[in-house]
Protein backbone atom coordinates (compact mmCIF):
# COMPACT_ATOMS: atom_id res chain seq x y z
CA MET A 1 -197.72 -66.07 -55.10
CA VAL A 2 -200.49 -64.90 -52.84
CA GLN A 3 -200.71 -61.27 -51.68
CA ALA A 4 -202.41 -60.37 -48.35
CA VAL A 5 -202.88 -57.20 -46.32
CA ILE A 6 -202.48 -58.30 -42.65
CA ASN A 7 -202.84 -56.42 -39.32
CA ILE A 8 -200.03 -57.13 -36.75
CA ASP A 9 -199.42 -55.73 -33.38
CA GLU A 10 -196.43 -53.69 -32.48
CA ASN A 11 -194.50 -56.59 -30.88
CA THR A 12 -195.11 -58.74 -33.86
CA ASN A 13 -193.69 -55.97 -35.98
CA ARG A 14 -190.60 -55.73 -33.93
CA VAL A 15 -190.01 -59.45 -34.08
CA LEU A 16 -190.44 -59.47 -37.74
CA ASN A 17 -187.86 -56.60 -38.08
CA ILE A 18 -185.43 -58.61 -35.88
CA VAL A 19 -185.86 -61.71 -37.98
CA LYS A 20 -185.44 -59.61 -41.16
CA ALA A 21 -182.21 -58.10 -39.84
CA LYS A 22 -180.70 -61.27 -38.34
CA PHE A 23 -181.05 -63.32 -41.61
CA GLY A 24 -180.41 -60.44 -43.98
CA LEU A 25 -183.85 -60.56 -45.75
CA ARG A 26 -185.18 -57.93 -48.00
CA ASP A 27 -188.65 -57.53 -46.61
CA LYS A 28 -191.06 -58.59 -43.98
CA SER A 29 -192.68 -61.08 -46.39
CA GLN A 30 -189.45 -63.13 -46.46
CA ALA A 31 -189.36 -62.93 -42.65
CA ILE A 32 -192.93 -64.17 -42.43
CA ASN A 33 -192.05 -67.00 -44.73
CA LEU A 34 -188.96 -67.91 -42.68
CA VAL A 35 -190.93 -67.94 -39.32
CA VAL A 36 -193.80 -70.00 -40.89
CA ASN A 37 -191.45 -72.48 -42.48
CA GLU A 38 -189.57 -72.82 -39.18
CA TYR A 39 -192.96 -73.42 -37.32
CA GLU A 40 -193.98 -76.01 -39.94
CA GLU A 41 -190.67 -78.00 -39.57
CA THR A 42 -190.78 -78.15 -35.83
CA SER A 43 -194.48 -78.22 -34.93
CA LEU A 44 -196.51 -79.49 -37.73
CA GLU A 45 -195.98 -83.29 -38.10
CA PRO A 46 -192.22 -83.27 -38.24
CA GLU A 47 -190.52 -86.12 -40.05
CA LEU A 48 -189.23 -89.04 -37.89
CA ARG A 49 -185.74 -88.79 -36.73
CA PRO A 50 -183.47 -91.27 -38.78
CA GLU A 51 -182.71 -93.27 -35.65
CA TYR A 52 -186.37 -93.79 -34.81
CA LYS A 53 -187.08 -94.88 -38.39
CA ILE A 54 -184.55 -97.58 -37.86
CA LYS A 55 -186.09 -98.60 -34.53
CA LEU A 56 -189.61 -98.54 -36.11
CA ASN A 57 -188.46 -100.93 -39.05
CA LYS A 58 -187.12 -103.41 -36.32
CA ILE A 59 -190.42 -103.31 -34.65
CA MET A 60 -192.36 -103.86 -37.83
CA LYS A 61 -190.17 -106.85 -38.72
CA GLY A 62 -190.60 -108.37 -35.32
CA LYS A 63 -192.97 -111.12 -34.31
CA HIS A 64 -196.55 -110.01 -33.69
CA LEU A 65 -199.45 -111.90 -32.31
CA SER A 66 -202.97 -111.95 -33.79
CA ARG A 67 -205.83 -111.04 -31.56
CA GLU A 68 -206.80 -114.74 -31.08
CA GLU A 69 -203.18 -115.63 -30.25
CA LEU A 70 -203.06 -112.75 -27.73
CA GLU A 71 -206.29 -113.79 -26.10
CA LYS A 72 -204.93 -117.47 -25.77
CA GLU A 73 -201.72 -116.13 -24.24
CA VAL A 74 -203.68 -113.96 -21.65
CA ALA A 75 -206.30 -116.53 -20.84
């Protein structure tokens, strides 16, 4: 576990207190962890939705042209 001393503004402090109270957390460290984990899940390379994985597999199994074949088709 890493410990850090951080400076946060008053609004951030209020938000952390609200998150802490809403989810019944013991301290602000847990609130920060919750907020960061939520951000990670939604914004940092989220996993593909299951229905998109199925669609992607169909695309990958489909017929594909090589560059030479594509140039012949276009020309």
